[in-house]
């Protein structure tokens, strides 16, 4: 595998990439983040564009009304899926409130699969090795939920955000039972989530601009609204050792802090315009680090002053999407746009990179660390893969996700060194049992 070593440097700002489109004034509860292939190699066209014309055929009128009522039709015309994937996308649309009559669902699915077929994607590359894993998968109860992020709770349960279904889900691995909790504000779009020591589940309401706390004992939800109307889409959140919650605001281009004791929420702007703050981790010293998906930067956030320090990655076309941290406080990131695994040492600014096994179009996404071993998923290979990278030997090993994965947007390590994945596109969660590898998690 190709490795690159260089230093983080100050550089020119990269072109911005639109990640999704939404019609102004469209109901937030209907926000449908469809999986769209975005080219990161060419320039992004600007200015007004001619609305796309849908091909004629049975289902066209329904697609035009149901999809066009919420987002630009380019979200459909720029996409390409097989029939199974379009079925999953349509389920998410309907669950989120798209007005598709039941007797039209099959017709619309056929129309989309015929006119916007699957586009070529890189084949999964299987690299054998000495580590043995088993992968088990479960479908979540509500169709079209789009499980976005997983979390592992102190009682051994696994939680997930059902983003389109407006629920938080709990799975008990011992009894194999699910329980879903509906949120009190419709269309909240739960995204990131994290448990506290008392068993409450904190989450970001990505569509309704608040951070919520669910008490699983009562089902009550407490909401902490964003103090700035521009902080419209809180994204990833985590607890720091000081007891505060820190979070990213992607489209709002902000970072924030919530004091759970007082309820005070404070947000600050990212120094880089349209940087799309995304994944976040916290160091052993209690310093949050985050990646800027709309830029080629990694940044730290001072937990007290909220001052931001940015590290510019050496490649202007890098788009780091998720981030992990090893016990030595070294930052690892998934470079979604270039198909690389990256390493940043904040102490020295040195950056090292390794080409992901699936190649430049593999789109590394969800990532975590177990000790000094990095685990992540390639979200654009067919099927998706689980990738293991040993930072000591610099060797890769990969496995295919049996269901195909459907884009693993996030994963979490358990204290005993296993993994839970959220498999959005196939409406499931997955457990990866690591049987003979490092069994020390970096979970704090």
Protein backbone atom coordinates (compact mmCIF):
# COMPACT_ATOMS: atom_id res chain seq x y z
CA UNK A 1 0.00 0.00 0.00
CA UNK A 2 1.25 3.46 -0.87
CA UNK A 3 2.37 5.53 2.13
CA UNK A 4 2.99 9.27 2.16
CA UNK A 5 4.78 11.17 4.92
CA UNK A 6 4.84 14.94 5.21
CA UNK A 7 4.12 17.81 7.57
CA UNK A 8 0.91 19.71 8.08
CA UNK A 9 1.43 23.11 6.51
CA UNK A 10 -0.43 26.31 5.89
CA UNK A 11 -1.92 26.15 2.40
CA UNK A 12 -4.43 27.63 0.03
CA UNK A 13 -8.10 27.02 0.64
CA UNK A 14 -9.59 24.19 -1.38
CA UNK A 15 -12.73 24.34 -3.53
CA UNK A 16 -15.91 23.63 -1.57
CA UNK A 17 -18.14 20.67 -2.35
CA UNK A 18 -21.90 20.77 -1.84
CA UNK A 19 -22.82 17.70 0.16
CA UNK A 20 -26.57 17.89 -0.24
CA UNK A 21 -29.25 20.22 -1.42
CA UNK A 22 -32.49 21.23 0.21
CA UNK A 23 -35.19 23.54 -1.05
CA UNK A 24 -35.48 26.74 0.97
CA UNK A 25 -38.47 26.50 3.25
CA UNK A 26 -38.86 22.75 2.90
CA UNK A 27 -40.03 21.05 6.08
CA UNK A 28 -36.99 20.14 8.12
CA UNK A 29 -38.59 16.91 9.21
CA UNK A 30 -38.56 15.82 5.62
CA UNK A 31 -34.90 16.47 5.01
CA UNK A 32 -33.74 13.51 2.98
CA UNK A 33 -29.99 13.10 2.81
CA UNK A 34 -29.86 10.75 -0.14
CA UNK A 35 -26.63 9.02 -0.99
CA UNK A 36 -25.27 11.02 -3.91
CA UNK A 37 -21.97 10.45 -5.66
CA UNK A 38 -20.08 13.75 -5.53
CA UNK A 39 -17.03 14.20 -7.71
CA UNK A 40 -14.15 15.64 -5.75
CA UNK A 41 -11.70 15.62 -8.64
CA UNK A 42 -13.19 18.33 -10.82
CA UNK A 43 -14.30 21.89 -10.24
CA UNK A 44 -17.74 22.42 -8.76
CA UNK A 45 -19.90 24.33 -11.23
CA UNK A 46 -21.33 27.55 -9.95
CA UNK A 47 -24.21 29.85 -10.74
CA UNK A 48 -27.80 29.08 -11.59
CA UNK A 49 -28.48 25.74 -13.17
CA UNK A 50 -31.30 24.48 -15.35
CA UNK A 51 -33.69 22.25 -13.40
CA UNK A 52 -33.28 18.62 -14.50
CA UNK A 53 -35.92 16.94 -16.61
CA UNK A 54 -37.06 13.53 -15.41
CA UNK A 55 -37.44 10.78 -18.02
CA UNK A 56 -40.99 9.86 -19.02
CA UNK A 57 -42.54 6.73 -17.61
CA UNK A 58 -44.83 5.35 -14.93
CA UNK A 59 -43.79 6.85 -11.62
CA UNK A 60 -42.41 10.12 -13.00
CA UNK A 61 -45.24 12.29 -11.65
CA UNK A 62 -45.01 10.78 -8.18
CA UNK A 63 -41.23 11.25 -8.07
CA UNK A 64 -41.60 14.84 -9.23
CA UNK A 65 -44.13 15.65 -6.51
CA UNK A 66 -42.83 13.57 -3.62
CA UNK A 67 -39.11 14.17 -4.07
CA UNK A 68 -39.35 17.68 -5.47
CA UNK A 69 -41.46 18.84 -2.52
CA UNK A 70 -38.48 18.45 -0.21
CA UNK A 71 -35.24 18.77 -2.12
CA UNK A 72 -33.82 19.60 -5.53
CA UNK A 73 -34.48 16.94 -8.17
CA UNK A 74 -30.75 16.86 -8.85
CA UNK A 75 -30.55 14.81 -5.66
CA UNK A 76 -32.36 12.11 -7.64
CA UNK A 77 -30.84 12.63 -11.07
CA UNK A 78 -27.28 12.72 -9.73
CA UNK A 79 -27.78 9.45 -7.88
CA UNK A 80 -27.43 5.89 -9.09
CA UNK A 81 -28.51 2.75 -7.23
CA UNK A 82 -29.60 -0.81 -7.84
CA UNK A 83 -33.19 -1.78 -7.07
CA UNK A 84 -32.43 -2.93 -3.53
CA UNK A 85 -30.72 0.36 -2.75
CA UNK A 86 -33.52 2.44 -4.26
CA UNK A 87 -35.97 0.43 -2.13
CA UNK A 88 -33.98 1.41 0.94
CA UNK A 89 -33.84 5.07 -0.13
CA UNK A 90 -37.58 5.11 -0.81
CA UNK A 91 -38.29 3.57 2.59
CA UNK A 92 -36.28 6.37 4.19
CA UNK A 93 -38.22 8.96 2.21
CA UNK A 94 -41.58 7.54 3.20
CA UNK A 95 -40.55 7.16 6.84
CA UNK A 96 -39.46 10.81 6.83
CA UNK A 97 -42.86 11.86 5.46
CA UNK A 98 -42.53 11.94 1.69
CA UNK A 99 -46.05 11.75 0.13
CA UNK A 100 -45.68 8.52 -1.80
CA UNK A 101 -48.96 6.53 -1.92
CA UNK A 102 -48.57 2.90 -0.91
CA UNK A 103 -49.83 1.68 -4.26
CA UNK A 104 -47.13 3.72 -5.99
CA UNK A 105 -44.11 2.53 -4.01
CA UNK A 106 -43.32 -0.42 -6.30
CA UNK A 107 -43.95 1.72 -9.39
CA UNK A 108 -41.65 4.47 -8.14
CA UNK A 109 -38.96 1.96 -7.19
CA UNK A 110 -39.07 0.45 -10.68
CA UNK A 111 -38.91 3.91 -12.25
CA UNK A 112 -35.87 4.97 -10.21
CA UNK A 113 -34.01 1.69 -10.73
CA UNK A 114 -34.61 1.79 -14.50
CA UNK A 115 -33.72 5.44 -15.09
CA UNK A 116 -31.03 5.97 -12.46
CA UNK A 117 -29.24 2.62 -12.28
CA UNK A 118 -26.29 1.70 -10.16
CA UNK A 119 -23.06 3.34 -11.19
CA UNK A 120 -19.73 1.55 -11.31
CA UNK A 121 -18.10 1.33 -7.90
CA UNK A 122 -14.81 -0.24 -6.86
CA UNK A 123 -14.91 -3.89 -5.90
CA UNK A 124 -14.15 -4.73 -2.32
CA UNK A 125 -10.54 -5.76 -1.87
CA UNK A 126 -10.09 -8.59 0.61
CA UNK A 127 -6.66 -8.69 2.24
CA UNK A 128 -6.11 -11.83 4.32
CA UNK A 129 -4.28 -11.84 7.61
CA UNK A 130 -3.87 -13.49 10.97
CA UNK A 131 -6.73 -11.74 12.79
CA UNK A 132 -10.06 -13.54 12.98
CA UNK A 133 -13.40 -11.73 13.25
CA UNK A 134 -17.06 -12.63 13.02
CA UNK A 135 -19.73 -10.21 11.82
CA UNK A 136 -23.35 -10.49 12.94
CA UNK A 137 -26.10 -8.19 11.72
CA UNK A 138 -29.64 -7.24 12.76
CA UNK A 139 -32.36 -5.22 11.03
CA UNK A 140 -33.77 -2.43 13.18
CA UNK A 141 -37.55 -2.52 13.79
CA UNK A 142 -38.69 0.51 11.77
CA UNK A 143 -38.24 0.39 7.99
CA UNK A 144 -36.42 3.38 6.55
CA UNK A 145 -34.93 4.41 9.90
CA UNK A 146 -31.47 5.11 8.46
CA UNK A 147 -29.46 4.13 11.56
CA UNK A 148 -26.80 6.80 11.60
CA UNK A 149 -24.55 6.47 14.65
CA UNK A 150 -24.09 3.68 17.21
CA UNK A 151 -23.19 3.98 20.90
CA UNK A 152 -22.26 1.45 23.57
CA UNK A 153 -23.81 2.06 26.98
CA UNK A 154 -22.38 1.16 30.42
CA UNK A 155 -25.03 -1.57 30.90
CA UNK A 156 -23.85 -3.40 27.76
CA UNK A 157 -26.70 -2.25 25.55
CA UNK A 158 -26.19 -0.79 22.10
CA UNK A 159 -27.95 2.37 20.99
CA UNK A 160 -28.44 3.94 17.57
CA UNK A 161 -30.05 7.02 16.08
CA UNK A 162 -32.95 6.25 13.74
CA UNK A 163 -32.54 9.51 11.88
CA UNK A 164 -35.47 9.34 9.46
CA UNK A 165 -37.78 7.55 11.89
CA UNK A 166 -37.19 10.18 14.62
CA UNK A 167 -36.29 7.55 17.20
CA UNK A 168 -33.47 6.42 19.41
CA UNK A 169 -33.13 2.64 19.42
CA UNK A 170 -31.80 0.30 22.09
CA UNK A 171 -30.62 -3.24 21.40
CA UNK A 172 -29.87 -5.76 24.13
CA UNK A 173 -27.24 -8.20 22.81
CA UNK A 174 -28.13 -10.74 25.53
CA UNK A 175 -31.87 -10.96 24.83
CA UNK A 176 -31.63 -9.88 21.15
CA UNK A 177 -34.50 -7.45 21.79
CA UNK A 178 -34.98 -3.97 20.38
CA UNK A 179 -36.80 -1.04 21.95
CA UNK A 180 -37.30 2.27 20.19
CA UNK A 181 -38.00 5.62 21.84
CA UNK A 182 -39.86 8.26 19.86
CA UNK A 183 -38.67 11.83 20.29
CA UNK A 184 -41.17 14.46 21.38
CA UNK A 185 -40.34 16.95 18.62
CA UNK A 186 -41.36 15.57 15.21
CA UNK A 187 -38.69 15.50 12.54
CA UNK A 188 -35.78 15.99 14.94
CA UNK A 189 -33.44 13.91 12.79
CA UNK A 190 -31.32 12.39 15.58
CA UNK A 191 -27.72 12.04 14.43
CA UNK A 192 -24.88 11.60 16.95
CA UNK A 193 -25.40 10.09 20.39
CA UNK A 194 -23.46 9.34 23.54
CA UNK A 195 -24.44 7.79 26.91
CA UNK A 196 -23.63 9.33 30.29
CA UNK A 197 -22.63 7.45 33.43
CA UNK A 198 -26.22 7.48 34.70
CA UNK A 199 -27.54 5.72 31.59
CA UNK A 200 -29.10 8.75 29.91
CA UNK A 201 -28.60 9.06 26.16
CA UNK A 202 -27.58 12.45 24.78
CA UNK A 203 -28.08 13.13 21.08
CA UNK A 204 -27.91 15.83 18.43
CA UNK A 205 -31.15 16.81 16.71
CA UNK A 206 -29.64 17.43 13.29
CA UNK A 207 -32.88 18.71 11.72
CA UNK A 208 -34.25 20.75 14.66
CA UNK A 209 -31.22 22.52 16.13
CA UNK A 210 -31.06 21.15 19.65
CA UNK A 211 -29.21 18.67 21.82
CA UNK A 212 -31.45 16.22 23.62
CA UNK A 213 -31.22 13.98 26.66
CA UNK A 214 -33.31 10.82 26.78
CA UNK A 215 -34.01 9.18 30.12
CA UNK A 216 -34.63 5.53 29.13
CA UNK A 217 -36.34 4.83 32.46
CA UNK A 218 -39.16 7.27 31.78
CA UNK A 219 -38.87 8.01 28.06
CA UNK A 220 -38.71 11.73 28.85
CA UNK A 221 -36.63 13.91 26.58
CA UNK A 222 -35.05 17.18 27.69
CA UNK A 223 -34.13 19.58 24.91
CA UNK A 224 -31.32 22.15 24.90
CA UNK A 225 -31.84 24.47 21.90
CA UNK A 226 -28.97 26.07 20.03
CA UNK A 227 -28.43 29.70 21.09
CA UNK A 228 -27.71 30.90 17.55
CA UNK A 229 -30.16 30.42 14.65
CA UNK A 230 -27.21 29.71 12.37
CA UNK A 231 -26.36 26.63 14.45
CA UNK A 232 -29.06 24.74 12.61
CA UNK A 233 -27.61 21.24 12.42
CA UNK A 234 -25.67 19.93 15.45
CA UNK A 235 -23.81 16.85 14.28
CA UNK A 236 -21.38 14.87 16.49
CA UNK A 237 -21.14 15.16 20.27
CA UNK A 238 -19.02 13.71 23.06
CA UNK A 239 -18.29 14.06 26.75
CA UNK A 240 -14.96 15.46 27.92
CA UNK A 241 -13.34 14.65 31.29
CA UNK A 242 -14.52 18.01 32.67
CA UNK A 243 -18.12 16.79 32.39
CA UNK A 244 -19.11 19.09 29.52
CA UNK A 245 -20.43 18.02 26.15
CA UNK A 246 -18.64 19.31 23.05
CA UNK A 247 -20.17 19.10 19.59
CA UNK A 248 -19.78 20.00 15.92
CA UNK A 249 -22.33 21.92 13.83
CA UNK A 250 -21.76 20.88 10.24
CA UNK A 251 -23.71 23.20 7.93
CA UNK A 252 -23.74 25.97 10.54
CA UNK A 253 -19.94 25.82 10.52
CA UNK A 254 -19.64 25.97 14.29
CA UNK A 255 -18.36 24.19 17.36
CA UNK A 256 -20.16 24.15 20.67
CA UNK A 257 -20.17 23.30 24.36
CA UNK A 258 -23.08 22.26 26.58
CA UNK A 259 -22.82 22.28 30.37
CA UNK A 260 -25.18 19.49 31.46
CA UNK A 261 -25.37 20.89 35.01
CA UNK A 262 -26.52 24.37 34.06
CA UNK A 263 -27.93 23.77 30.59
CA UNK A 264 -25.80 26.58 29.17
CA UNK A 265 -24.97 26.16 25.47
CA UNK A 266 -22.27 28.21 23.77
CA UNK A 267 -21.22 28.07 20.12
CA UNK A 268 -18.30 29.58 18.19
CA UNK A 269 -17.61 29.88 14.48
CA UNK A 270 -15.03 27.74 12.72
CA UNK A 271 -12.18 29.95 11.46
CA UNK A 272 -12.48 28.49 7.95
CA UNK A 273 -15.60 29.35 5.96
CA UNK A 274 -17.79 26.38 4.93
CA UNK A 275 -15.42 23.98 6.67
CA UNK A 276 -18.25 21.63 7.74
CA UNK A 277 -17.00 20.50 11.18
CA UNK A 278 -17.77 16.79 11.32
CA UNK A 279 -16.32 13.93 13.40
CA UNK A 280 -14.86 14.58 16.85
CA UNK A 281 -12.75 12.83 19.53
CA UNK A 282 -11.25 13.93 22.85
CA UNK A 283 -7.63 13.52 23.91
CA UNK A 284 -6.31 12.11 27.19
CA UNK A 285 -5.79 15.73 28.29
CA UNK A 286 -9.45 16.52 27.70
CA UNK A 287 -8.94 18.48 24.46
CA UNK A 288 -11.53 17.91 21.71
CA UNK A 289 -10.20 17.40 18.19
CA UNK A 290 -12.40 17.51 15.10
CA UNK A 291 -12.09 17.17 11.33
CA UNK A 292 -13.34 19.66 8.75
CA UNK A 293 -15.14 17.75 6.02
CA UNK A 294 -15.52 20.84 3.85
CA UNK A 295 -11.82 21.64 4.09
CA UNK A 296 -8.46 19.91 4.31
CA UNK A 297 -8.00 20.52 8.00
CA UNK A 298 -7.99 18.92 11.43
CA UNK A 299 -8.50 21.20 14.42
CA UNK A 300 -8.42 21.28 18.22
CA UNK A 301 -10.88 23.09 20.48
CA UNK A 302 -9.77 24.59 23.78
CA UNK A 303 -12.24 23.13 26.30
CA UNK A 304 -12.28 26.34 28.38
CA UNK A 305 -11.97 29.24 25.93
CA UNK A 306 -13.32 27.42 22.84
CA UNK A 307 -10.36 28.78 20.87
CA UNK A 308 -9.70 26.75 17.73
CA UNK A 309 -6.31 25.72 16.37
CA UNK A 310 -6.24 24.30 12.85
CA UNK A 311 -3.78 21.87 11.28
CA UNK A 312 -3.73 22.10 7.48
CA UNK A 313 -3.32 18.75 5.77
CA UNK A 314 -0.79 18.64 2.92
CA UNK A 315 -3.26 17.77 0.15
CA UNK A 316 -5.69 20.52 -0.82
CA UNK A 317 -8.22 17.95 -2.06
CA UNK A 318 -8.43 16.07 1.25
CA UNK A 319 -11.85 15.82 2.91
CA UNK A 320 -11.39 14.19 6.35
CA UNK A 321 -14.81 12.98 7.46
CA UNK A 322 -14.48 10.93 10.66
CA UNK A 323 -11.70 10.77 13.22
CA UNK A 324 -10.19 8.39 15.79
CA UNK A 325 -7.54 8.78 18.46
CA UNK A 326 -5.00 6.32 19.86
CA UNK A 327 -3.73 6.22 23.48
CA UNK A 328 -0.69 8.33 22.51
CA UNK A 329 -3.07 11.15 21.48
CA UNK A 330 -2.26 10.76 17.79
CA UNK A 331 -5.13 11.64 15.46
CA UNK A 332 -6.26 9.26 12.71
CA UNK A 333 -8.73 10.34 10.06
CA UNK A 334 -10.64 8.86 7.14
CA UNK A 335 -9.89 10.92 4.03
CA UNK A 336 -13.20 10.36 2.29
CA UNK A 337 -12.43 12.17 -0.93
CA UNK A 338 -9.01 10.69 -1.70
CA UNK A 339 -9.39 7.14 -0.36
CA UNK A 340 -6.67 7.39 2.29
CA UNK A 341 -6.16 6.66 5.95
CA UNK A 342 -4.34 9.58 7.57
CA UNK A 343 -2.32 10.10 10.74
CA UNK A 344 -1.61 13.48 12.35
CA UNK A 345 0.65 13.93 15.35
CA UNK A 346 -0.56 17.20 16.92
CA UNK A 347 2.68 17.51 18.92
CA UNK A 348 4.84 17.76 15.80
CA UNK A 349 2.39 18.47 12.99
CA UNK A 350 3.70 15.46 11.05
CA UNK A 351 1.21 13.81 8.72
CA UNK A 352 1.45 10.28 7.32
CA UNK A 353 -1.00 8.66 4.92
CA UNK A 354 -1.72 5.20 3.54
CA UNK A 355 -3.81 4.41 0.46
CA UNK A 356 -6.92 2.50 1.51
CA UNK A 357 -7.11 -1.04 0.08
CA UNK A 358 -10.21 -0.26 -2.00
CA UNK A 359 -8.50 2.54 -3.86
CA UNK A 360 -9.11 6.26 -4.42
CA UNK A 361 -12.89 5.84 -4.76
CA UNK A 362 -13.35 3.61 -1.71
CA UNK A 363 -14.53 6.53 0.49
CA UNK A 364 -13.27 5.63 3.96
CA UNK A 365 -15.89 6.76 6.48
CA UNK A 366 -16.69 5.47 9.98
CA UNK A 367 -13.49 4.96 12.01
CA UNK A 368 -12.35 4.12 15.55
CA UNK A 369 -9.30 2.84 17.40
CA UNK A 370 -8.76 -0.18 19.64
CA UNK A 371 -5.44 0.38 21.33
CA UNK A 372 -2.95 1.11 18.57
CA UNK A 373 -5.05 -0.62 15.91
CA UNK A 374 -7.25 1.46 13.60
CA UNK A 375 -10.55 0.12 12.33
CA UNK A 376 -12.67 1.77 9.66
CA UNK A 377 -15.08 1.04 6.82
CA UNK A 378 -14.86 1.70 3.10
CA UNK A 379 -18.30 3.08 2.24
CA UNK A 380 -18.18 3.00 -1.56
CA UNK A 381 -16.79 -0.43 -2.31
CA UNK A 382 -19.21 -3.14 -3.38
CA UNK A 383 -19.80 -4.50 -0.82
CA UNK A 384 -18.62 -2.24 2.01
CA UNK A 385 -15.65 -3.51 3.98
CA UNK A 386 -14.34 -3.50 7.53
CA UNK A 387 -10.67 -2.50 7.44
CA UNK A 388 -8.06 -3.15 10.11
CA UNK A 389 -4.76 -1.25 10.13
CA UNK A 390 -1.99 -2.13 12.56
CA UNK A 391 -0.16 1.13 13.24
CA UNK A 392 2.93 -0.73 14.42
CA UNK A 393 3.41 -2.98 11.39
CA UNK A 394 1.56 -0.71 8.93
CA UNK A 395 -0.30 -3.73 7.58
CA UNK A 396 -3.93 -3.86 6.40
CA UNK A 397 -6.46 -6.67 6.72
CA UNK A 398 -10.03 -6.46 5.39
CA UNK A 399 -13.37 -8.24 5.59
CA UNK A 400 -16.59 -7.95 3.58
CA UNK A 401 -19.75 -6.88 5.44
CA UNK A 402 -22.27 -9.65 4.63
CA UNK A 403 -25.27 -7.34 4.09
CA UNK A 404 -23.22 -5.02 1.92
CA UNK A 405 -23.08 -2.38 4.65
CA UNK A 406 -25.08 0.27 2.84
CA UNK A 407 -22.61 2.98 4.01
CA UNK A 408 -21.22 2.59 7.52
CA UNK A 409 -21.33 6.18 8.69
CA UNK A 410 -19.95 5.54 12.14
CA UNK A 411 -18.66 2.78 14.39
CA UNK A 412 -17.83 2.47 18.06
CA UNK A 413 -15.43 0.26 20.00
CA UNK A 414 -16.51 -1.57 23.14
CA UNK A 415 -14.40 -1.71 26.32
CA UNK A 416 -13.54 -5.35 25.55
CA UNK A 417 -12.21 -4.52 22.09
CA UNK A 418 -15.05 -5.34 19.72
CA UNK A 419 -17.00 -3.09 17.33
CA UNK A 420 -20.57 -1.99 16.66
CA UNK A 421 -21.48 -0.46 13.30
CA UNK A 422 -24.46 1.50 12.04
CA UNK A 423 -25.29 0.29 8.52
CA UNK A 424 -27.51 3.10 7.26
CA UNK A 425 -28.43 1.97 3.77
CA UNK A 426 -29.45 -1.54 4.77
CA UNK A 427 -31.33 -0.32 7.87
CA UNK A 428 -29.31 -2.35 10.33
CA UNK A 429 -26.65 -2.56 12.98
CA UNK A 430 -23.70 -4.94 13.04
CA UNK A 431 -21.44 -6.48 15.67
CA UNK A 432 -17.84 -7.23 14.79
CA UNK A 433 -16.29 -9.64 17.27
CA UNK A 434 -12.50 -9.49 17.21
CA UNK A 435 -11.29 -12.89 18.31
CA UNK A 436 -7.50 -12.81 18.37
CA UNK A 437 -6.21 -9.26 18.16
CA UNK A 438 -5.59 -6.28 20.40
CA UNK A 439 -8.37 -6.29 22.98
CA UNK A 440 -7.70 -2.96 24.62
CA UNK A 441 -10.14 -0.27 23.57
CA UNK A 442 -9.42 3.45 23.50
CA UNK A 443 -12.96 4.05 24.80
CA UNK A 444 -12.87 6.63 27.59
